[in-house]
Amino acid sequence: MNFYKSVIEYKGKLLVRGIHEGQEYKEKIDFGPTLYSLTQQKTEHTNLQGQYLKAITFKTIDDARRFRREIVTENSPIYGLGRYHYQYIGKEFPNDIDWDKKFIKIFTLDIETACESGFPDVENPIEQLLCITVKNQNNKQIITWGVGDYKTDRTDITYVKCKDEKQLMFEFMNFWMKTLSADFILLPQFSIPESLNPLIP
């Protein structure tokens, strides 16, 4: 079973994570994108107007980006997908992908605050941070960092009691940094800025 989980362009390289023969892999690769220019010769590629295009393949992403920046004019258009990581995916995985959810780490994250002054404001997070909860969707285990006492008999819940907001934040961030390999973090859009802003001087 071979499939990709993440392809990100970074400093002219592609950072690829995926599964190969059931094993997780990470690699940083050079990729040579392909762009297209107008030609009078008959080729297998055309633009939407039916004009023939010839392929130009580059050694690196930086070469392709530089060519596009310096060569393209209104009279000399260049065609082709500029998001080069999608070119890589299309080239390396041209057919339906056989994948398995058990190889993908998915976490759900929820943040709770006090609401004495209404719904929390991302730009001005004045409300007290009460707890942060993370659920591993693979094994269904739940971890909650909170301020105050909490007891439960549920075996799927781990509660970490913190003395104050600051400790709560740092305990959570320690976990977050160790779990950066998660493939998907599902959370409300306001949650991360809201929780991190109190730590910014």
N, C-alpha and C. Protein backbone atom coordinates (compact mmCIF):
# COMPACT_ATOMS: atom_id res chain seq x y z
N MET A 1 0.84 -1.19 0.00
CA MET A 1 0.00 0.00 0.00
C MET A 1 0.88 1.24 0.00
N ASN A 2 0.73 2.07 -1.01
CA ASN A 2 1.53 3.27 -1.15
C ASN A 2 0.62 4.48 -1.36
N PHE A 3 0.76 5.50 -0.52
CA PHE A 3 0.02 6.74 -0.72
C PHE A 3 0.71 7.88 0.03
N TYR A 4 0.45 9.09 -0.44
CA TYR A 4 1.02 10.27 0.22
C TYR A 4 0.03 10.79 1.26
N LYS A 5 0.58 11.42 2.30
CA LYS A 5 -0.26 12.06 3.30
C LYS A 5 -0.10 13.57 3.28
N SER A 6 1.06 14.03 2.87
CA SER A 6 1.29 15.48 2.85
C SER A 6 2.40 15.79 1.86
N VAL A 7 2.18 16.82 1.03
CA VAL A 7 3.22 17.32 0.13
C VAL A 7 3.22 18.84 0.25
N ILE A 8 4.32 19.40 0.74
CA ILE A 8 4.43 20.83 0.98
C ILE A 8 5.67 21.36 0.28
N GLU A 9 5.52 22.48 -0.42
CA GLU A 9 6.68 23.13 -1.03
C GLU A 9 7.34 24.03 -0.01
N TYR A 10 8.66 23.89 0.15
CA TYR A 10 9.39 24.69 1.13
C TYR A 10 10.80 24.98 0.62
N LYS A 11 11.08 26.24 0.39
CA LYS A 11 12.39 26.69 -0.05
C LYS A 11 12.88 25.93 -1.29
N GLY A 12 11.99 25.79 -2.26
CA GLY A 12 12.37 25.16 -3.52
C GLY A 12 12.43 23.65 -3.48
N LYS A 13 12.09 23.05 -2.36
CA LYS A 13 12.05 21.60 -2.23
C LYS A 13 10.62 21.16 -1.95
N LEU A 14 10.37 19.87 -2.07
CA LEU A 14 9.09 19.30 -1.67
C LEU A 14 9.30 18.43 -0.45
N LEU A 15 8.54 18.71 0.60
CA LEU A 15 8.56 17.90 1.82
C LEU A 15 7.40 16.92 1.71
N VAL A 16 7.73 15.64 1.63
CA VAL A 16 6.73 14.61 1.36
C VAL A 16 6.65 13.65 2.54
N ARG A 17 5.44 13.40 2.99
CA ARG A 17 5.19 12.35 3.98
C ARG A 17 4.17 11.40 3.40
N GLY A 18 4.36 10.12 3.68
CA GLY A 18 3.41 9.15 3.15
C GLY A 18 3.64 7.76 3.69
N ILE A 19 2.99 6.80 3.06
CA ILE A 19 3.10 5.40 3.43
C ILE A 19 3.62 4.62 2.23
N HIS A 20 4.67 3.84 2.45
CA HIS A 20 5.22 2.99 1.38
C HIS A 20 5.33 1.57 1.90
N GLU A 21 4.58 0.69 1.27
CA GLU A 21 4.54 -0.73 1.67
C GLU A 21 4.25 -0.87 3.16
N GLY A 22 3.31 -0.07 3.63
CA GLY A 22 2.86 -0.16 5.02
C GLY A 22 3.72 0.55 6.04
N GLN A 23 4.78 1.24 5.58
CA GLN A 23 5.67 1.95 6.50
C GLN A 23 5.64 3.44 6.22
N GLU A 24 5.63 4.24 7.29
CA GLU A 24 5.62 5.69 7.11
C GLU A 24 6.98 6.18 6.68
N TYR A 25 7.01 7.17 5.80
CA TYR A 25 8.27 7.75 5.36
C TYR A 25 8.15 9.26 5.28
N LYS A 26 9.30 9.93 5.39
CA LYS A 26 9.40 11.37 5.22
C LYS A 26 10.62 11.64 4.35
N GLU A 27 10.49 12.54 3.39
CA GLU A 27 11.64 12.86 2.57
C GLU A 27 11.55 14.29 2.03
N LYS A 28 12.70 14.84 1.76
CA LYS A 28 12.81 16.16 1.12
C LYS A 28 13.39 15.94 -0.26
N ILE A 29 12.66 16.33 -1.29
CA ILE A 29 13.08 15.98 -2.65
C ILE A 29 13.18 17.21 -3.54
N ASP A 30 14.04 17.08 -4.55
CA ASP A 30 14.06 18.04 -5.65
C ASP A 30 13.04 17.58 -6.67
N PHE A 31 12.31 18.52 -7.23
CA PHE A 31 11.30 18.18 -8.22
C PHE A 31 11.43 19.10 -9.41
N GLY A 32 11.37 18.53 -10.61
CA GLY A 32 11.46 19.30 -11.83
C GLY A 32 10.09 19.53 -12.44
N PRO A 33 9.50 20.72 -12.26
CA PRO A 33 8.16 21.00 -12.80
C PRO A 33 8.19 21.09 -14.33
N THR A 34 7.01 21.02 -14.90
CA THR A 34 6.84 21.19 -16.35
C THR A 34 5.89 22.34 -16.61
N LEU A 35 6.33 23.26 -17.47
CA LEU A 35 5.49 24.34 -17.94
C LEU A 35 5.34 24.22 -19.46
N TYR A 36 4.48 25.05 -20.05
CA TYR A 36 4.19 24.91 -21.48
C TYR A 36 4.19 26.28 -22.15
N SER A 37 4.73 26.31 -23.36
CA SER A 37 4.74 27.54 -24.15
C SER A 37 4.11 27.28 -25.51
N LEU A 38 3.71 28.35 -26.19
CA LEU A 38 3.10 28.23 -27.51
C LEU A 38 4.11 27.72 -28.53
N THR A 39 3.63 26.92 -29.47
CA THR A 39 4.49 26.41 -30.53
C THR A 39 3.69 26.28 -31.83
N GLN A 40 4.38 26.35 -32.95
CA GLN A 40 3.73 26.15 -34.25
C GLN A 40 3.65 24.67 -34.60
N GLN A 41 4.41 23.85 -33.89
CA GLN A 41 4.41 22.41 -34.16
C GLN A 41 3.18 21.74 -33.55
N LYS A 42 2.72 20.70 -34.19
CA LYS A 42 1.58 19.96 -33.69
C LYS A 42 2.02 19.07 -32.53
N THR A 43 1.40 19.23 -31.39
CA THR A 43 1.75 18.43 -30.21
C THR A 43 0.48 17.86 -29.58
N GLU A 44 0.66 17.09 -28.52
CA GLU A 44 -0.49 16.48 -27.84
C GLU A 44 -1.14 17.44 -26.84
N HIS A 45 -0.52 18.61 -26.64
CA HIS A 45 -1.04 19.56 -25.67
C HIS A 45 -1.55 20.82 -26.37
N THR A 46 -2.69 21.34 -25.91
CA THR A 46 -3.22 22.59 -26.42
C THR A 46 -3.76 23.42 -25.26
N ASN A 47 -3.89 24.73 -25.48
CA ASN A 47 -4.56 25.57 -24.50
C ASN A 47 -6.06 25.58 -24.78
N LEU A 48 -6.81 26.36 -24.03
CA LEU A 48 -8.27 26.37 -24.19
C LEU A 48 -8.69 26.93 -25.54
N GLN A 49 -7.80 27.67 -26.17
CA GLN A 49 -8.12 28.23 -27.49
C GLN A 49 -7.72 27.29 -28.63
N GLY A 50 -7.18 26.12 -28.27
CA GLY A 50 -6.80 25.14 -29.29
C GLY A 50 -5.41 25.33 -29.85
N GLN A 51 -4.63 26.26 -29.31
CA GLN A 51 -3.27 26.48 -29.79
C GLN A 51 -2.34 25.40 -29.21
N TYR A 52 -1.40 24.97 -30.03
CA TYR A 52 -0.50 23.91 -29.59
C TYR A 52 0.52 24.43 -28.58
N LEU A 53 0.87 23.55 -27.64
CA LEU A 53 1.83 23.89 -26.59
C LEU A 53 2.95 22.86 -26.55
N LYS A 54 4.15 23.34 -26.28
CA LYS A 54 5.27 22.42 -26.08
C LYS A 54 5.67 22.43 -24.61
N ALA A 55 6.08 21.26 -24.13
CA ALA A 55 6.45 21.12 -22.73
C ALA A 55 7.88 21.59 -22.50
N ILE A 56 8.08 22.29 -21.38
CA ILE A 56 9.41 22.71 -20.94
C ILE A 56 9.60 22.17 -19.52
N THR A 57 10.52 21.24 -19.36
CA THR A 57 10.74 20.64 -18.05
C THR A 57 12.00 21.23 -17.42
N PHE A 58 11.91 21.61 -16.15
CA PHE A 58 13.01 22.26 -15.45
C PHE A 58 13.64 21.29 -14.46
N LYS A 59 14.87 21.59 -14.07
CA LYS A 59 15.57 20.73 -13.11
C LYS A 59 15.06 20.95 -11.70
N THR A 60 14.68 22.19 -11.38
CA THR A 60 14.25 22.50 -10.02
C THR A 60 13.04 23.42 -10.03
N ILE A 61 12.38 23.52 -8.90
CA ILE A 61 11.27 24.43 -8.74
C ILE A 61 11.73 25.88 -8.87
N ASP A 62 12.90 26.19 -8.32
CA ASP A 62 13.42 27.56 -8.41
C ASP A 62 13.66 27.95 -9.87
N ASP A 63 14.15 27.01 -10.68
CA ASP A 63 14.36 27.30 -12.10
C ASP A 63 13.04 27.63 -12.79
N ALA A 64 12.00 26.85 -12.49
CA ALA A 64 10.69 27.08 -13.10
C ALA A 64 10.12 28.43 -12.66
N ARG A 65 10.26 28.73 -11.40
CA ARG A 65 9.72 29.99 -10.89
C ARG A 65 10.48 31.19 -11.49
N ARG A 66 11.78 31.06 -11.60
CA ARG A 66 12.58 32.13 -12.18
C ARG A 66 12.23 32.34 -13.66
N PHE A 67 12.06 31.24 -14.39
CA PHE A 67 11.70 31.32 -15.80
C PHE A 67 10.35 32.02 -15.97
N ARG A 68 9.41 31.64 -15.15
CA ARG A 68 8.07 32.23 -15.25
C ARG A 68 8.10 33.72 -14.93
N ARG A 69 8.93 34.09 -13.97
CA ARG A 69 9.01 35.49 -13.56
C ARG A 69 9.70 36.36 -14.62
N GLU A 70 10.72 35.82 -15.28
CA GLU A 70 11.54 36.62 -16.19
C GLU A 70 11.09 36.55 -17.64
N ILE A 71 10.42 35.48 -18.03
CA ILE A 71 10.12 35.27 -19.44
C ILE A 71 8.68 35.66 -19.81
N VAL A 72 7.76 35.44 -18.90
CA VAL A 72 6.34 35.60 -19.24
C VAL A 72 6.01 37.05 -19.57
N THR A 73 5.39 37.25 -20.72
CA THR A 73 4.84 38.55 -21.12
C THR A 73 3.47 38.30 -21.73
N GLU A 74 2.77 39.36 -22.05
CA GLU A 74 1.45 39.22 -22.66
C GLU A 74 1.54 38.52 -24.01
N ASN A 75 2.65 38.74 -24.71
CA ASN A 75 2.83 38.12 -26.02
C ASN A 75 3.52 36.76 -25.94
N SER A 76 4.08 36.44 -24.79
CA SER A 76 4.74 35.14 -24.60
C SER A 76 4.22 34.48 -23.33
N PRO A 77 2.98 34.05 -23.35
CA PRO A 77 2.40 33.44 -22.14
C PRO A 77 2.99 32.06 -21.85
N ILE A 78 2.98 31.71 -20.60
CA ILE A 78 3.42 30.39 -20.16
C ILE A 78 2.25 29.71 -19.48
N TYR A 79 2.07 28.43 -19.78
CA TYR A 79 0.95 27.67 -19.24
C TYR A 79 1.48 26.58 -18.31
N GLY A 80 0.60 26.13 -17.46
CA GLY A 80 0.97 25.05 -16.54
C GLY A 80 0.70 25.44 -15.10
N LEU A 81 0.48 24.44 -14.28
CA LEU A 81 0.13 24.66 -12.88
C LEU A 81 1.31 25.23 -12.11
N GLY A 82 1.10 26.38 -11.48
CA GLY A 82 2.16 27.04 -10.72
C GLY A 82 2.33 26.52 -9.31
N ARG A 83 1.40 25.74 -8.85
CA ARG A 83 1.53 25.10 -7.53
C ARG A 83 2.19 23.75 -7.76
N TYR A 84 3.50 23.76 -7.64
CA TYR A 84 4.28 22.63 -8.15
C TYR A 84 4.10 21.34 -7.35
N HIS A 85 3.67 21.46 -6.10
CA HIS A 85 3.44 20.23 -5.34
C HIS A 85 2.27 19.43 -5.94
N TYR A 86 1.30 20.14 -6.56
CA TYR A 86 0.22 19.42 -7.23
C TYR A 86 0.71 18.73 -8.49
N GLN A 87 1.68 19.32 -9.16
CA GLN A 87 2.29 18.63 -10.30
C GLN A 87 2.93 17.33 -9.85
N TYR A 88 3.63 17.38 -8.72
CA TYR A 88 4.27 16.17 -8.19
C TYR A 88 3.24 15.10 -7.88
N ILE A 89 2.16 15.49 -7.22
CA ILE A 89 1.12 14.51 -6.85
C ILE A 89 0.53 13.88 -8.11
N GLY A 90 0.23 14.72 -9.11
CA GLY A 90 -0.35 14.19 -10.34
C GLY A 90 0.58 13.24 -11.07
N LYS A 91 1.89 13.51 -10.98
CA LYS A 91 2.87 12.67 -11.66
C LYS A 91 3.10 11.36 -10.92
N GLU A 92 3.23 11.45 -9.60
CA GLU A 92 3.57 10.27 -8.81
C GLU A 92 2.35 9.39 -8.48
N PHE A 93 1.17 10.01 -8.47
CA PHE A 93 -0.05 9.27 -8.13
C PHE A 93 -1.12 9.56 -9.16
N PRO A 94 -0.95 9.08 -10.39
CA PRO A 94 -1.87 9.43 -11.48
C PRO A 94 -3.20 8.70 -11.43
N ASN A 95 -3.26 7.61 -10.67
CA ASN A 95 -4.48 6.79 -10.64
C ASN A 95 -5.15 6.88 -9.28
N ASP A 96 -6.25 6.16 -9.12
CA ASP A 96 -6.92 6.11 -7.82
C ASP A 96 -5.95 5.61 -6.76
N ILE A 97 -6.00 6.23 -5.59
CA ILE A 97 -5.05 5.91 -4.52
C ILE A 97 -5.66 4.90 -3.56
N ASP A 98 -4.94 3.81 -3.33
CA ASP A 98 -5.34 2.81 -2.35
C ASP A 98 -4.78 3.24 -1.00
N TRP A 99 -5.64 3.70 -0.10
CA TRP A 99 -5.18 4.21 1.18
C TRP A 99 -5.97 3.58 2.31
N ASP A 100 -5.46 3.74 3.53
CA ASP A 100 -6.10 3.15 4.70
C ASP A 100 -6.09 4.16 5.84
N LYS A 101 -7.24 4.41 6.40
CA LYS A 101 -7.38 5.42 7.46
C LYS A 101 -6.52 5.09 8.69
N LYS A 102 -6.22 3.82 8.91
CA LYS A 102 -5.47 3.46 10.12
C LYS A 102 -4.06 4.05 10.11
N PHE A 103 -3.56 4.43 8.94
CA PHE A 103 -2.24 5.04 8.85
C PHE A 103 -2.27 6.55 9.00
N ILE A 104 -3.46 7.14 9.15
CA ILE A 104 -3.60 8.59 9.21
C ILE A 104 -3.98 9.01 10.63
N LYS A 105 -3.19 9.89 11.21
CA LYS A 105 -3.46 10.37 12.56
C LYS A 105 -4.40 11.57 12.49
N ILE A 106 -5.52 11.46 13.17
CA ILE A 106 -6.52 12.53 13.18
C ILE A 106 -6.84 12.90 14.62
N PHE A 107 -6.70 14.17 14.95
CA PHE A 107 -7.00 14.65 16.30
C PHE A 107 -8.07 15.73 16.23
N THR A 108 -8.97 15.70 17.20
CA THR A 108 -9.95 16.76 17.38
C THR A 108 -9.53 17.58 18.59
N LEU A 109 -9.56 18.90 18.45
CA LEU A 109 -9.12 19.78 19.52
C LEU A 109 -10.24 20.74 19.89
N ASP A 110 -10.45 20.91 21.19
CA ASP A 110 -11.49 21.84 21.67
C ASP A 110 -10.92 22.67 22.81
N ILE A 111 -11.22 23.95 22.79
CA ILE A 111 -10.74 24.87 23.82
C ILE A 111 -11.94 25.54 24.48
N GLU A 112 -11.95 25.55 25.80
CA GLU A 112 -13.04 26.17 26.55
C GLU A 112 -12.49 27.32 27.40
N THR A 113 -13.22 28.43 27.38
CA THR A 113 -12.85 29.58 28.20
C THR A 113 -14.08 30.04 28.98
N ALA A 114 -13.82 30.89 29.94
CA ALA A 114 -14.94 31.56 30.61
C ALA A 114 -15.59 32.50 29.59
N CYS A 115 -16.80 32.92 29.89
CA CYS A 115 -17.50 33.82 28.95
C CYS A 115 -18.25 34.91 29.72
N GLU A 116 -17.57 35.46 30.70
CA GLU A 116 -18.18 36.50 31.52
C GLU A 116 -18.51 37.75 30.70
N SER A 117 -17.74 37.98 29.64
CA SER A 117 -17.96 39.18 28.82
C SER A 117 -18.45 38.83 27.43
N GLY A 118 -19.09 37.68 27.28
CA GLY A 118 -19.58 37.26 25.98
C GLY A 118 -18.63 36.30 25.30
N PHE A 119 -18.90 36.04 24.02
CA PHE A 119 -18.10 35.08 23.27
C PHE A 119 -16.66 35.56 23.17
N PRO A 120 -15.66 34.66 23.35
CA PRO A 120 -14.24 35.08 23.33
C PRO A 120 -13.85 35.80 22.05
N ASP A 121 -13.01 36.82 22.21
CA ASP A 121 -12.53 37.62 21.09
C ASP A 121 -11.08 37.24 20.81
N VAL A 122 -10.80 36.81 19.56
CA VAL A 122 -9.44 36.38 19.20
C VAL A 122 -8.43 37.50 19.38
N GLU A 123 -8.80 38.72 19.00
CA GLU A 123 -7.87 39.84 19.06
C GLU A 123 -7.64 40.35 20.47
N ASN A 124 -8.59 40.07 21.36
CA ASN A 124 -8.47 40.56 22.73
C ASN A 124 -8.96 39.48 23.69
N PRO A 125 -8.14 38.44 23.87
CA PRO A 125 -8.58 37.27 24.66
C PRO A 125 -8.49 37.52 26.17
N ILE A 126 -9.50 38.18 26.69
CA ILE A 126 -9.46 38.56 28.10
C ILE A 126 -10.06 37.49 29.01
N GLU A 127 -10.79 36.54 28.43
CA GLU A 127 -11.44 35.52 29.24
C GLU A 127 -10.43 34.47 29.72
N GLN A 128 -10.70 33.90 30.87
CA GLN A 128 -9.83 32.88 31.43
C GLN A 128 -9.91 31.59 30.62
N LEU A 129 -8.76 31.01 30.35
CA LEU A 129 -8.69 29.71 29.68
C LEU A 129 -8.95 28.62 30.71
N LEU A 130 -9.99 27.82 30.47
CA LEU A 130 -10.40 26.82 31.45
C LEU A 130 -9.82 25.44 31.16
N CYS A 131 -9.88 25.02 29.90
CA CYS A 131 -9.37 23.70 29.56
C CYS A 131 -9.14 23.56 28.07
N ILE A 132 -8.26 22.63 27.72
CA ILE A 132 -8.01 22.24 26.33
C ILE A 132 -8.14 20.72 26.27
N THR A 133 -8.92 20.25 25.32
CA THR A 133 -9.16 18.81 25.18
C THR A 133 -8.76 18.34 23.79
N VAL A 134 -8.04 17.24 23.74
CA VAL A 134 -7.63 16.63 22.48
C VAL A 134 -8.11 15.19 22.45
N LYS A 135 -8.75 14.81 21.33
CA LYS A 135 -9.19 13.43 21.16
C LYS A 135 -8.48 12.81 19.97
N ASN A 136 -7.85 11.68 20.23
CA ASN A 136 -7.23 10.90 19.17
C ASN A 136 -8.32 10.08 18.49
N GLN A 137 -8.61 10.40 17.22
CA GLN A 137 -9.71 9.73 16.53
C GLN A 137 -9.37 8.30 16.12
N ASN A 138 -8.09 7.91 16.24
CA ASN A 138 -7.72 6.53 15.92
C ASN A 138 -8.00 5.59 17.08
N ASN A 139 -7.51 5.95 18.28
CA ASN A 139 -7.73 5.06 19.43
C ASN A 139 -8.80 5.57 20.38
N LYS A 140 -9.40 6.74 20.05
CA LYS A 140 -10.52 7.33 20.81
C LYS A 140 -10.12 7.77 22.22
N GLN A 141 -8.84 7.89 22.49
CA GLN A 141 -8.38 8.37 23.80
C GLN A 141 -8.47 9.89 23.86
N ILE A 142 -8.81 10.40 25.04
CA ILE A 142 -9.02 11.83 25.25
C ILE A 142 -8.06 12.33 26.33
N ILE A 143 -7.42 13.46 26.07
CA ILE A 143 -6.58 14.12 27.07
C ILE A 143 -7.12 15.53 27.29
N THR A 144 -7.32 15.89 28.53
CA THR A 144 -7.79 17.23 28.87
C THR A 144 -6.83 17.87 29.86
N TRP A 145 -6.39 19.07 29.55
CA TRP A 145 -5.61 19.89 30.47
C TRP A 145 -6.56 20.95 31.01
N GLY A 146 -6.67 21.04 32.33
CA GLY A 146 -7.63 21.97 32.89
C GLY A 146 -7.16 22.61 34.17
N VAL A 147 -7.80 23.74 34.48
CA VAL A 147 -7.55 24.43 35.74
C VAL A 147 -8.67 24.05 36.70
N GLY A 148 -8.35 23.37 37.78
CA GLY A 148 -9.37 22.94 38.73
C GLY A 148 -9.43 21.43 38.82
N ASP A 149 -10.24 20.97 39.75
CA ASP A 149 -10.37 19.52 40.00
C ASP A 149 -11.37 18.90 39.03
N TYR A 150 -11.08 17.67 38.64
CA TYR A 150 -12.00 16.91 37.80
C TYR A 150 -11.71 15.44 38.00
N LYS A 151 -12.75 14.67 38.23
CA LYS A 151 -12.60 13.24 38.42
C LYS A 151 -13.54 12.49 37.49
N THR A 152 -13.07 11.37 36.97
CA THR A 152 -13.90 10.54 36.10
C THR A 152 -13.46 9.09 36.23
N ASP A 153 -14.41 8.19 36.02
CA ASP A 153 -14.10 6.76 36.02
C ASP A 153 -13.87 6.23 34.61
N ARG A 154 -14.01 7.09 33.62
CA ARG A 154 -13.85 6.65 32.24
C ARG A 154 -12.39 6.35 31.93
N THR A 155 -12.14 5.18 31.35
CA THR A 155 -10.78 4.77 31.05
C THR A 155 -10.22 5.43 29.80
N ASP A 156 -11.10 6.09 29.01
CA ASP A 156 -10.63 6.72 27.78
C ASP A 156 -10.25 8.18 27.99
N ILE A 157 -10.33 8.67 29.24
CA ILE A 157 -10.03 10.07 29.52
C ILE A 157 -8.84 10.19 30.46
N THR A 158 -7.89 11.03 30.09
CA THR A 158 -6.78 11.39 30.97
C THR A 158 -6.89 12.87 31.28
N TYR A 159 -6.95 13.21 32.55
CA TYR A 159 -7.07 14.60 32.95
C TYR A 159 -5.78 15.07 33.59
N VAL A 160 -5.26 16.20 33.10
CA VAL A 160 -4.03 16.78 33.64
C VAL A 160 -4.40 18.07 34.35
N LYS A 161 -4.31 18.06 35.66
CA LYS A 161 -4.67 19.25 36.43
C LYS A 161 -3.51 20.24 36.42
N CYS A 162 -3.83 21.50 36.12
CA CYS A 162 -2.83 22.55 36.06
C CYS A 162 -3.15 23.61 37.10
N LYS A 163 -2.12 24.23 37.64
CA LYS A 163 -2.36 25.20 38.72
C LYS A 163 -2.90 26.52 38.19
N ASP A 164 -2.59 26.84 36.91
CA ASP A 164 -3.07 28.10 36.35
C ASP A 164 -3.03 28.02 34.82
N GLU A 165 -3.47 29.11 34.19
CA GLU A 165 -3.50 29.18 32.73
C GLU A 165 -2.13 28.95 32.12
N LYS A 166 -1.13 29.54 32.71
CA LYS A 166 0.22 29.46 32.14
C LYS A 166 0.71 28.03 32.08
N GLN A 167 0.53 27.29 33.18
CA GLN A 167 0.95 25.89 33.18
C GLN A 167 0.13 25.09 32.19
N LEU A 168 -1.17 25.38 32.12
CA LEU A 168 -2.04 24.68 31.17
C LEU A 168 -1.52 24.85 29.74
N MET A 169 -1.18 26.10 29.40
CA MET A 169 -0.69 26.38 28.06
C MET A 169 0.59 25.64 27.75
N PHE A 170 1.53 25.66 28.69
CA PHE A 170 2.81 25.02 28.42
C PHE A 170 2.71 23.51 28.41
N GLU A 171 1.85 22.93 29.25
CA GLU A 171 1.65 21.47 29.22
C GLU A 171 1.05 21.06 27.87
N PHE A 172 0.08 21.85 27.40
CA PHE A 172 -0.53 21.54 26.12
C PHE A 172 0.47 21.70 24.98
N MET A 173 1.27 22.78 25.00
CA MET A 173 2.23 23.00 23.93
C MET A 173 3.30 21.92 23.90
N ASN A 174 3.69 21.39 25.05
CA ASN A 174 4.63 20.27 25.08
C ASN A 174 4.05 19.07 24.34
N PHE A 175 2.77 18.80 24.60
CA PHE A 175 2.10 17.70 23.89
C PHE A 175 2.00 18.00 22.40
N TRP A 176 1.62 19.24 22.08
CA TRP A 176 1.43 19.63 20.67
C TRP A 176 2.72 19.44 19.87
N MET A 177 3.86 19.87 20.44
CA MET A 177 5.14 19.75 19.74
C MET A 177 5.52 18.29 19.53
N LYS A 178 5.18 17.44 20.48
CA LYS A 178 5.51 16.02 20.33
C LYS A 178 4.59 15.33 19.33
N THR A 179 3.46 15.95 19.02
CA THR A 179 2.47 15.33 18.16
C THR A 179 2.34 16.07 16.83
N LEU A 180 3.38 16.79 16.43
CA LEU A 180 3.33 17.55 15.18
C LEU A 180 3.19 16.66 13.96
N SER A 181 3.45 15.35 14.12
CA SER A 181 3.31 14.45 12.98
C SER A 181 1.85 14.11 12.70
N ALA A 182 0.93 14.67 13.50
CA ALA A 182 -0.49 14.42 13.21
C ALA A 182 -0.83 14.90 11.82
N ASP A 183 -1.64 14.13 11.11
CA ASP A 183 -1.96 14.46 9.73
C ASP A 183 -3.11 15.45 9.64
N PHE A 184 -4.04 15.39 10.60
CA PHE A 184 -5.15 16.33 10.60
C PHE A 184 -5.46 16.75 12.02
N ILE A 185 -5.56 18.05 12.23
CA ILE A 185 -6.03 18.60 13.50
C ILE A 185 -7.34 19.32 13.20
N LEU A 186 -8.42 18.85 13.78
CA LEU A 186 -9.72 19.43 13.55
C LEU A 186 -10.06 20.35 14.71
N LEU A 187 -10.32 21.63 14.43
CA LEU A 187 -10.54 22.58 15.50
C LEU A 187 -11.30 23.78 14.99
N PRO A 188 -11.97 24.52 15.88
CA PRO A 188 -12.59 25.78 15.48
C PRO A 188 -11.52 26.76 15.02
N GLN A 189 -11.84 27.64 14.09
CA GLN A 189 -10.85 28.53 13.51
C GLN A 189 -10.24 29.47 14.54
N PHE A 190 -10.99 29.83 15.57
CA PHE A 190 -10.49 30.81 16.52
C PHE A 190 -9.61 30.19 17.60
N SER A 191 -9.58 28.87 17.71
CA SER A 191 -9.03 28.24 18.89
C SER A 191 -7.55 28.51 19.12
N ILE A 192 -6.71 28.31 18.08
CA ILE A 192 -5.29 28.45 18.29
C ILE A 192 -4.87 29.90 18.58
N PRO A 193 -5.31 30.89 17.79
CA PRO A 193 -4.96 32.28 18.14
C PRO A 193 -5.46 32.66 19.53
N GLU A 194 -6.65 32.22 19.85
CA GLU A 194 -7.24 32.57 21.14
C GLU A 194 -6.39 32.04 22.28
N SER A 195 -5.89 30.82 22.11
CA SER A 195 -5.14 30.20 23.20
C SER A 195 -3.69 30.67 23.28
N LEU A 196 -3.12 31.05 22.14
CA LEU A 196 -1.71 31.44 22.14
C LEU A 196 -1.51 32.91 22.45
N ASN A 197 -2.46 33.76 22.15
CA ASN A 197 -2.29 35.19 22.35
C ASN A 197 -1.87 35.57 23.77
N PRO A 198 -2.39 34.90 24.81
CA PRO A 198 -1.94 35.27 26.16
C PRO A 198 -0.45 35.07 26.38
N LEU A 199 0.22 34.24 25.55
CA LEU A 199 1.64 34.00 25.73
C LEU A 199 2.51 35.00 24.98
N ILE A 200 1.88 35.82 24.11
CA ILE A 200 2.64 36.78 23.31
C ILE A 200 2.79 38.09 24.09
N PRO A 201 4.04 38.53 24.30
CA PRO A 201 4.25 39.76 25.10
C PRO A 201 3.59 40.97 24.45
